[in-house]
Amino acid sequence: ELIHRMKNANAPIFITFDLDFYDPAYFPGTGTPEPGGGSPHEIFSIFNEIKNDINLVGFDALELAPQFDSSNVSGVLAAKTLRELLLLF
């Protein structure tokens, strides 16, 4: 429903992406882990679905806490997520 509303909004859209959406298996570096959360494939598919149909004016990403991830996989996934958001323009 949200995707449908975004596509038909005909208004400027700003996306705030909360990185703790990701399951801790993919993104352990957050202060508020969400067991059972989403995967990169899920969110990147959503981004791909909306990219040509919304008037995106900006975005941000929240909740990266590198002190909780000594392997830095969260930092890498945060960067990939930001790249995918940039590709929406």
PDB file of N, CA and C in Angstrom:
ATOM      1  N   GLU A   1       0.822  -1.193   0.000  1.00  0.00           N
ATOM      2  CA  GLU A   1       0.000   0.000   0.000  1.00  0.00           C
ATOM      3  C   GLU A   1       0.867   1.258   0.000  1.00  0.00           C
ATOM      4  N   LEU A   2       1.929   1.270   0.808  1.00  0.00           N
ATOM      5  CA  LEU A   2       2.797   2.444   0.863  1.00  0.00           C
ATOM      6  C   LEU A   2       3.449   2.714  -0.491  1.00  0.00           C
ATOM      7  N   ILE A   3       3.894   1.664  -1.156  1.00  0.00           N
ATOM      8  CA  ILE A   3       4.513   1.838  -2.471  1.00  0.00           C
ATOM      9  C   ILE A   3       3.510   2.450  -3.443  1.00  0.00           C
ATOM     10  N   HIS A   4       2.294   1.970  -3.426  1.00  0.00           N
ATOM     11  CA  HIS A   4       1.251   2.510  -4.301  1.00  0.00           C
ATOM     12  C   HIS A   4       1.017   3.992  -4.003  1.00  0.00           C
ATOM     13  N   ARG A   5       0.950   4.345  -2.733  1.00  0.00           N
ATOM     14  CA  ARG A   5       0.731   5.746  -2.355  1.00  0.00           C
ATOM     15  C   ARG A   5       1.900   6.624  -2.784  1.00  0.00           C
ATOM     16  N   MET A   6       3.128   6.117  -2.638  1.00  0.00           N
ATOM     17  CA  MET A   6       4.299   6.890  -3.044  1.00  0.00           C
ATOM     18  C   MET A   6       4.299   7.126  -4.550  1.00  0.00           C
ATOM     19  N   LYS A   7       3.968   6.092  -5.311  1.00  0.00           N
ATOM     20  CA  LYS A   7       3.973   6.212  -6.766  1.00  0.00           C
ATOM     21  C   LYS A   7       2.927   7.201  -7.258  1.00  0.00           C
ATOM     22  N   ASN A   8       1.821   7.316  -6.546  1.00  0.00           N
ATOM     23  CA  ASN A   8       0.720   8.174  -6.981  1.00  0.00           C
ATOM     24  C   ASN A   8       0.651   9.498  -6.236  1.00  0.00           C
ATOM     25  N   ALA A   9       1.660   9.806  -5.458  1.00  0.00           N
ATOM     26  CA  ALA A   9       1.623  10.999  -4.613  1.00  0.00           C
ATOM     27  C   ALA A   9       1.721  12.291  -5.413  1.00  0.00           C
ATOM     28  N   ASN A  10       2.461  12.281  -6.508  1.00  0.00           N
ATOM     29  CA  ASN A  10       2.660  13.505  -7.282  1.00  0.00           C
ATOM     30  C   ASN A  10       3.170  14.640  -6.408  1.00  0.00           C
ATOM     31  N   ALA A  11       3.985  14.313  -5.445  1.00  0.00           N
ATOM     32  CA  ALA A  11       4.526  15.296  -4.510  1.00  0.00           C
ATOM     33  C   ALA A  11       5.986  14.949  -4.234  1.00  0.00           C
ATOM     34  N   PRO A  12       6.763  15.914  -3.770  1.00  0.00           N
ATOM     35  CA  PRO A  12       8.145  15.613  -3.401  1.00  0.00           C
ATOM     36  C   PRO A  12       8.189  14.588  -2.269  1.00  0.00           C
ATOM     37  N   ILE A  13       9.118  13.645  -2.373  1.00  0.00           N
ATOM     38  CA  ILE A  13       9.242  12.592  -1.359  1.00  0.00           C
ATOM     39  C   ILE A  13      10.655  12.599  -0.802  1.00  0.00           C
ATOM     40  N   PHE A  14      10.751  12.567   0.525  1.00  0.00           N
ATOM     41  CA  PHE A  14      12.025  12.440   1.239  1.00  0.00           C
ATOM     42  C   PHE A  14      11.970  11.111   1.968  1.00  0.00           C
ATOM     43  N   ILE A  15      12.970  10.254   1.751  1.00  0.00           N
ATOM     44  CA  ILE A  15      13.003   8.934   2.381  1.00  0.00           C
ATOM     45  C   ILE A  15      13.975   8.954   3.548  1.00  0.00           C
ATOM     46  N   THR A  16      13.498   8.571   4.715  1.00  0.00           N
ATOM     47  CA  THR A  16      14.367   8.304   5.855  1.00  0.00           C
ATOM     48  C   THR A  16      14.415   6.796   6.009  1.00  0.00           C
ATOM     49  N   PHE A  17      15.612   6.228   5.843  1.00  0.00           N
ATOM     50  CA  PHE A  17      15.765   4.779   5.928  1.00  0.00           C
ATOM     51  C   PHE A  17      16.422   4.424   7.247  1.00  0.00           C
ATOM     52  N   ASP A  18      15.716   3.687   8.063  1.00  0.00           N
ATOM     53  CA  ASP A  18      16.208   3.238   9.362  1.00  0.00           C
ATOM     54  C   ASP A  18      16.945   1.921   9.155  1.00  0.00           C
ATOM     55  N   LEU A  19      18.265   1.953   9.286  1.00  0.00           N
ATOM     56  CA  LEU A  19      19.090   0.783   8.986  1.00  0.00           C
ATOM     57  C   LEU A  19      18.813  -0.407   9.892  1.00  0.00           C
ATOM     58  N   ASP A  20      18.193  -0.185  11.051  1.00  0.00           N
ATOM     59  CA  ASP A  20      17.865  -1.336  11.895  1.00  0.00           C
ATOM     60  C   ASP A  20      16.667  -2.115  11.352  1.00  0.00           C
ATOM     61  N   PHE A  21      16.162  -1.709  10.183  1.00  0.00           N
ATOM     62  CA  PHE A  21      15.206  -2.529   9.430  1.00  0.00           C
ATOM     63  C   PHE A  21      15.811  -3.898   9.143  1.00  0.00           C
ATOM     64  N   TYR A  22      17.129  -3.909   8.891  1.00  0.00           N
ATOM     65  CA  TYR A  22      17.807  -5.153   8.528  1.00  0.00           C
ATOM     66  C   TYR A  22      17.881  -6.126   9.702  1.00  0.00           C
ATOM     67  N   ASP A  23      17.739  -7.390   9.393  1.00  0.00           N
ATOM     68  CA  ASP A  23      17.956  -8.441  10.382  1.00  0.00           C
ATOM     69  C   ASP A  23      19.409  -8.360  10.866  1.00  0.00           C
ATOM     70  N   PRO A  24      19.664  -8.604  12.158  1.00  0.00           N
ATOM     71  CA  PRO A  24      21.032  -8.548  12.677  1.00  0.00           C
ATOM     72  C   PRO A  24      22.009  -9.491  11.973  1.00  0.00           C
ATOM     73  N   ALA A  25      21.529 -10.520  11.315  1.00  0.00           N
ATOM     74  CA  ALA A  25      22.425 -11.390  10.546  1.00  0.00           C
ATOM     75  C   ALA A  25      23.095 -10.611   9.415  1.00  0.00           C
ATOM     76  N   TYR A  26      22.404  -9.599   8.890  1.00  0.00           N
ATOM     77  CA  TYR A  26      22.954  -8.753   7.832  1.00  0.00           C
ATOM     78  C   TYR A  26      23.575  -7.480   8.384  1.00  0.00           C
ATOM     79  N   PHE A  27      23.047  -7.001   9.514  1.00  0.00           N
ATOM     80  CA  PHE A  27      23.408  -5.677  10.014  1.00  0.00           C
ATOM     81  C   PHE A  27      23.477  -5.698  11.544  1.00  0.00           C
ATOM     82  N   PRO A  28      24.563  -6.221  12.097  1.00  0.00           N
ATOM     83  CA  PRO A  28      24.672  -6.277  13.558  1.00  0.00           C
ATOM     84  C   PRO A  28      25.006  -4.930  14.197  1.00  0.00           C
ATOM     85  N   GLY A  29      25.468  -3.973  13.409  1.00  0.00           N
ATOM     86  CA  GLY A  29      25.950  -2.709  13.954  1.00  0.00           C
ATOM     87  C   GLY A  29      24.882  -1.662  14.150  1.00  0.00           C
ATOM     88  N   THR A  30      23.939  -1.948  15.033  1.00  0.00           N
ATOM     89  CA  THR A  30      22.906  -0.979  15.384  1.00  0.00           C
ATOM     90  C   THR A  30      22.598  -1.108  16.868  1.00  0.00           C
ATOM     91  N   GLY A  31      22.168  -0.025  17.457  1.00  0.00           N
ATOM     92  CA  GLY A  31      21.820  -0.049  18.874  1.00  0.00           C
ATOM     93  C   GLY A  31      20.470  -0.676  19.145  1.00  0.00           C
ATOM     94  N   THR A  32      19.666  -0.841  18.106  1.00  0.00           N
ATOM     95  CA  THR A  32      18.325  -1.417  18.260  1.00  0.00           C
ATOM     96  C   THR A  32      18.107  -2.518  17.228  1.00  0.00           C
ATOM     97  N   PRO A  33      18.757  -3.671  17.423  1.00  0.00           N
ATOM     98  CA  PRO A  33      18.617  -4.761  16.449  1.00  0.00           C
ATOM     99  C   PRO A  33      17.180  -5.269  16.361  1.00  0.00           C
ATOM    100  N   GLU A  34      16.802  -5.697  15.174  1.00  0.00           N
ATOM    101  CA  GLU A  34      15.452  -6.206  14.907  1.00  0.00           C
ATOM    102  C   GLU A  34      15.520  -7.651  14.435  1.00  0.00           C
ATOM    103  N   PRO A  35      15.560  -8.622  15.361  1.00  0.00           N
ATOM    104  CA  PRO A  35      15.540 -10.025  14.924  1.00  0.00           C
ATOM    105  C   PRO A  35      14.313 -10.279  14.041  1.00  0.00           C
ATOM    106  N   GLY A  36      14.532 -10.971  12.952  1.00  0.00           N
ATOM    107  CA  GLY A  36      13.441 -11.198  12.006  1.00  0.00           C
ATOM    108  C   GLY A  36      13.256 -10.038  11.051  1.00  0.00           C
ATOM    109  N   GLY A  37      14.197  -9.102  11.047  1.00  0.00           N
ATOM    110  CA  GLY A  37      14.114  -7.951  10.157  1.00  0.00           C
ATOM    111  C   GLY A  37      14.332  -8.338   8.706  1.00  0.00           C
ATOM    112  N   GLY A  38      14.412  -7.333   7.867  1.00  0.00           N
ATOM    113  CA  GLY A  38      14.491  -7.555   6.434  1.00  0.00           C
ATOM    114  C   GLY A  38      15.890  -7.836   5.926  1.00  0.00           C
ATOM    115  N   SER A  39      15.947  -8.143   4.637  1.00  0.00           N
ATOM    116  CA  SER A  39      17.215  -8.440   3.969  1.00  0.00           C
ATOM    117  C   SER A  39      17.534  -7.323   2.974  1.00  0.00           C
ATOM    118  N   PRO A  40      18.801  -7.215   2.580  1.00  0.00           N
ATOM    119  CA  PRO A  40      19.140  -6.246   1.536  1.00  0.00           C
ATOM    120  C   PRO A  40      18.348  -6.498   0.248  1.00  0.00           C
ATOM    121  N   HIS A  41      18.181  -7.749  -0.123  1.00  0.00           N
ATOM    122  CA  HIS A  41      17.436  -8.068  -1.343  1.00  0.00           C
ATOM    123  C   HIS A  41      16.020  -7.491  -1.288  1.00  0.00           C
ATOM    124  N   GLU A  42      15.365  -7.615  -0.135  1.00  0.00           N
ATOM    125  CA  GLU A  42      13.994  -7.105  -0.006  1.00  0.00           C
ATOM    126  C   GLU A  42      13.931  -5.600  -0.247  1.00  0.00           C
ATOM    127  N   ILE A  43      14.794  -4.850   0.436  1.00  0.00           N
ATOM    128  CA  ILE A  43      14.692  -3.391   0.326  1.00  0.00           C
ATOM    129  C   ILE A  43      15.187  -2.901  -1.025  1.00  0.00           C
ATOM    130  N   PHE A  44      16.234  -3.540  -1.572  1.00  0.00           N
ATOM    131  CA  PHE A  44      16.723  -3.110  -2.881  1.00  0.00           C
ATOM    132  C   PHE A  44      15.673  -3.382  -3.955  1.00  0.00           C
ATOM    133  N   SER A  45      14.887  -4.433  -3.796  1.00  0.00           N
ATOM    134  CA  SER A  45      13.786  -4.710  -4.730  1.00  0.00           C
ATOM    135  C   SER A  45      12.726  -3.621  -4.654  1.00  0.00           C
ATOM    136  N   ILE A  46      12.432  -3.170  -3.446  1.00  0.00           N
ATOM    137  CA  ILE A  46      11.458  -2.082  -3.278  1.00  0.00           C
ATOM    138  C   ILE A  46      11.991  -0.803  -3.912  1.00  0.00           C
ATOM    139  N   PHE A  47      13.263  -0.482  -3.648  1.00  0.00           N
ATOM    140  CA  PHE A  47      13.853   0.709  -4.263  1.00  0.00           C
ATOM    141  C   PHE A  47      13.743   0.627  -5.786  1.00  0.00           C
ATOM    142  N   ASN A  48      14.050  -0.530  -6.338  1.00  0.00           N
ATOM    143  CA  ASN A  48      13.992  -0.710  -7.788  1.00  0.00           C
ATOM    144  C   ASN A  48      12.571  -0.533  -8.316  1.00  0.00           C
ATOM    145  N   GLU A  49      11.597  -0.982  -7.540  1.00  0.00           N
ATOM    146  CA  GLU A  49      10.201  -0.875  -7.966  1.00  0.00           C
ATOM    147  C   GLU A  49       9.728   0.576  -8.031  1.00  0.00           C
ATOM    148  N   ILE A  50      10.232   1.417  -7.149  1.00  0.00           N
ATOM    149  CA  ILE A  50       9.737   2.797  -7.089  1.00  0.00           C
ATOM    150  C   ILE A  50      10.601   3.797  -7.848  1.00  0.00           C
ATOM    151  N   LYS A  51      11.776   3.400  -8.301  1.00  0.00           N
ATOM    152  CA  LYS A  51      12.760   4.390  -8.750  1.00  0.00           C
ATOM    153  C   LYS A  51      12.314   5.283  -9.896  1.00  0.00           C
ATOM    154  N   ASN A  52      11.496   4.831 -10.781  1.00  0.00           N
ATOM    155  CA  ASN A  52      11.075   5.666 -11.906  1.00  0.00           C
ATOM    156  C   ASN A  52       9.728   6.338 -11.686  1.00  0.00           C
ATOM    157  N   ASP A  53       9.132   6.104 -10.538  1.00  0.00           N
ATOM    158  CA  ASP A  53       7.758   6.555 -10.332  1.00  0.00           C
ATOM    159  C   ASP A  53       7.569   7.537  -9.187  1.00  0.00           C
ATOM    160  N   ILE A  54       8.655   7.996  -8.567  1.00  0.00           N
ATOM    161  CA  ILE A  54       8.487   8.928  -7.454  1.00  0.00           C
ATOM    162  C   ILE A  54       9.319  10.182  -7.701  1.00  0.00           C
ATOM    163  N   ASN A  55       8.924  11.251  -7.049  1.00  0.00           N
ATOM    164  CA  ASN A  55       9.646  12.515  -7.119  1.00  0.00           C
ATOM    165  C   ASN A  55      10.524  12.628  -5.871  1.00  0.00           C
ATOM    166  N   LEU A  56      11.620  11.882  -5.865  1.00  0.00           N
ATOM    167  CA  LEU A  56      12.515  11.865  -4.706  1.00  0.00           C
ATOM    168  C   LEU A  56      13.321  13.154  -4.663  1.00  0.00           C
ATOM    169  N   VAL A  57      13.280  13.825  -3.514  1.00  0.00           N
ATOM    170  CA  VAL A  57      14.029  15.075  -3.352  1.00  0.00           C
ATOM    171  C   VAL A  57      15.187  14.929  -2.374  1.00  0.00           C
ATOM    172  N   GLY A  58      15.228  13.832  -1.634  1.00  0.00           N
ATOM    173  CA  GLY A  58      16.327  13.617  -0.697  1.00  0.00           C
ATOM    174  C   GLY A  58      16.109  12.371   0.126  1.00  0.00           C
ATOM    175  N   PHE A  59      17.148  12.026   0.896  1.00  0.00           N
ATOM    176  CA  PHE A  59      17.065  10.849   1.756  1.00  0.00           C
ATOM    177  C   PHE A  59      18.111  10.949   2.848  1.00  0.00           C
ATOM    178  N   ASP A  60      17.906  10.159   3.879  1.00  0.00           N
ATOM    179  CA  ASP A  60      18.934   9.954   4.889  1.00  0.00           C
ATOM    180  C   ASP A  60      18.815   8.534   5.411  1.00  0.00           C
ATOM    181  N   ALA A  61      19.845   8.113   6.130  1.00  0.00           N
ATOM    182  CA  ALA A  61      19.863   6.770   6.715  1.00  0.00           C
ATOM    183  C   ALA A  61      20.315   6.906   8.161  1.00  0.00           C
ATOM    184  N   LEU A  62      19.657   6.180   9.047  1.00  0.00           N
ATOM    185  CA  LEU A  62      19.886   6.297  10.485  1.00  0.00           C
ATOM    186  C   LEU A  62      20.210   4.954  11.113  1.00  0.00           C
ATOM    187  N   GLU A  63      20.815   5.003  12.290  1.00  0.00           N
ATOM    188  CA  GLU A  63      20.995   3.855  13.180  1.00  0.00           C
ATOM    189  C   GLU A  63      22.226   2.998  12.914  1.00  0.00           C
ATOM    190  N   LEU A  64      23.239   3.509  12.225  1.00  0.00           N
ATOM    191  CA  LEU A  64      24.501   2.778  12.129  1.00  0.00           C
ATOM    192  C   LEU A  64      25.286   3.025  13.408  1.00  0.00           C
ATOM    193  N   ALA A  65      25.654   1.952  14.097  1.00  0.00           N
ATOM    194  CA  ALA A  65      26.450   2.021  15.329  1.00  0.00           C
ATOM    195  C   ALA A  65      27.643   1.083  15.171  1.00  0.00           C
ATOM    196  N   PRO A  66      28.730   1.555  14.542  1.00  0.00           N
ATOM    197  CA  PRO A  66      29.854   0.674  14.225  1.00  0.00           C
ATOM    198  C   PRO A  66      30.522   0.043  15.439  1.00  0.00           C
ATOM    199  N   GLN A  67      30.356   0.630  16.606  1.00  0.00           N
ATOM    200  CA  GLN A  67      30.953   0.047  17.812  1.00  0.00           C
ATOM    201  C   GLN A  67      30.362  -1.320  18.148  1.00  0.00           C
ATOM    202  N   PHE A  68      29.217  -1.655  17.571  1.00  0.00           N
ATOM    203  CA  PHE A  68      28.595  -2.958  17.805  1.00  0.00           C
ATOM    204  C   PHE A  68      28.924  -3.974  16.705  1.00  0.00           C
ATOM    205  N   ASP A  69      29.823  -3.617  15.797  1.00  0.00           N
ATOM    206  CA  ASP A  69      30.142  -4.490  14.662  1.00  0.00           C
ATOM    207  C   ASP A  69      31.631  -4.410  14.338  1.00  0.00           C
ATOM    208  N   SER A  70      32.405  -5.276  14.957  1.00  0.00           N
ATOM    209  CA  SER A  70      33.861  -5.246  14.753  1.00  0.00           C
ATOM    210  C   SER A  70      34.262  -5.686  13.343  1.00  0.00           C
ATOM    211  N   SER A  71      33.394  -6.389  12.643  1.00  0.00           N
ATOM    212  CA  SER A  71      33.717  -6.855  11.286  1.00  0.00           C
ATOM    213  C   SER A  71      33.421  -5.803  10.214  1.00  0.00           C
ATOM    214  N   ASN A  72      32.681  -4.764  10.565  1.00  0.00           N
ATOM    215  CA  ASN A  72      32.286  -3.674   9.668  1.00  0.00           C
ATOM    216  C   ASN A  72      31.347  -4.098   8.536  1.00  0.00           C
ATOM    217  N   VAL A  73      30.689  -5.245   8.657  1.00  0.00           N
ATOM    218  CA  VAL A  73      29.718  -5.615   7.618  1.00  0.00           C
ATOM    219  C   VAL A  73      28.557  -4.621   7.593  1.00  0.00           C
ATOM    220  N   SER A  74      28.237  -4.048   8.737  1.00  0.00           N
ATOM    221  CA  SER A  74      27.154  -3.062   8.789  1.00  0.00           C
ATOM    222  C   SER A  74      27.534  -1.793   8.040  1.00  0.00           C
ATOM    223  N   GLY A  75      28.772  -1.359   8.199  1.00  0.00           N
ATOM    224  CA  GLY A  75      29.232  -0.177   7.474  1.00  0.00           C
ATOM    225  C   GLY A  75      29.190  -0.386   5.972  1.00  0.00           C
ATOM    226  N   VAL A  76      29.584  -1.571   5.542  1.00  0.00           N
ATOM    227  CA  VAL A  76      29.554  -1.891   4.111  1.00  0.00           C
ATOM    228  C   VAL A  76      28.111  -1.913   3.607  1.00  0.00           C
ATOM    229  N   LEU A  77      27.208  -2.540   4.360  1.00  0.00           N
ATOM    230  CA  LEU A  77      25.803  -2.588   3.934  1.00  0.00           C
ATOM    231  C   LEU A  77      25.174  -1.196   3.980  1.00  0.00           C
ATOM    232  N   ALA A  78      25.543  -0.377   4.954  1.00  0.00           N
ATOM    233  CA  ALA A  78      25.041   1.002   4.995  1.00  0.00           C
ATOM    234  C   ALA A  78      25.468   1.746   3.729  1.00  0.00           C
ATOM    235  N   ALA A  79      26.726   1.581   3.324  1.00  0.00           N
ATOM    236  CA  ALA A  79      27.217   2.234   2.104  1.00  0.00           C
ATOM    237  C   ALA A  79      26.477   1.722   0.869  1.00  0.00           C
ATOM    238  N   LYS A  80      26.231   0.418   0.807  1.00  0.00           N
ATOM    239  CA  LYS A  80      25.483  -0.147  -0.329  1.00  0.00           C
ATOM    240  C   LYS A  80      24.056   0.394  -0.359  1.00  0.00           C
ATOM    241  N   THR A  81      23.456   0.538   0.815  1.00  0.00           N
ATOM    242  CA  THR A  81      22.097   1.074   0.895  1.00  0.00           C
ATOM    243  C   THR A  81      22.067   2.519   0.414  1.00  0.00           C
ATOM    244  N   LEU A  82      23.049   3.317   0.834  1.00  0.00           N
ATOM    245  CA  LEU A  82      23.121   4.705   0.372  1.00  0.00           C
ATOM    246  C   LEU A  82      23.323   4.765  -1.145  1.00  0.00           C
ATOM    247  N   ARG A  83      24.144   3.870  -1.678  1.00  0.00           N
ATOM    248  CA  ARG A  83      24.332   3.810  -3.133  1.00  0.00           C
ATOM    249  C   ARG A  83      23.003   3.527  -3.832  1.00  0.00           C
ATOM    250  N   GLU A  84      22.248   2.562  -3.311  1.00  0.00           N
ATOM    251  CA  GLU A  84      20.955   2.229  -3.922  1.00  0.00           C
ATOM    252  C   GLU A  84      19.984   3.405  -3.835  1.00  0.00           C
ATOM    253  N   LEU A  85      20.033   4.142  -2.733  1.00  0.00           N
ATOM    254  CA  LEU A  85      19.184   5.330  -2.617  1.00  0.00           C
ATOM    255  C   LEU A  85      19.609   6.397  -3.627  1.00  0.00           C
ATOM    256  N   LEU A  86      20.914   6.586  -3.802  1.00  0.00           N
ATOM    257  CA  LEU A  86      21.396   7.547  -4.806  1.00  0.00           C
ATOM    258  C   LEU A  86      20.928   7.178  -6.208  1.00  0.00           C
ATOM    259  N   LEU A  87      20.864   5.886  -6.485  1.00  0.00           N
ATOM    260  CA  LEU A  87      20.438   5.436  -7.810  1.00  0.00           C
ATOM    261  C   LEU A  87      18.960   5.713  -8.085  1.00  0.00           C
ATOM    262  N   LEU A  88      18.214   6.115  -7.059  1.00  0.00           N
ATOM    263  CA  LEU A  88      16.809   6.467  -7.265  1.00  0.00           C
ATOM    264  C   LEU A  88      16.662   7.807  -7.987  1.00  0.00           C
ATOM    265  N   PHE A  89      17.725   8.605  -8.009  1.00  0.00           N
ATOM    266  CA  PHE A  89      17.659   9.921  -8.664  1.00  0.00           C
ATOM    267  C   PHE A  89      17.829   9.792 -10.154  1.00  0.00           C
TER     268      PHE A  89
END
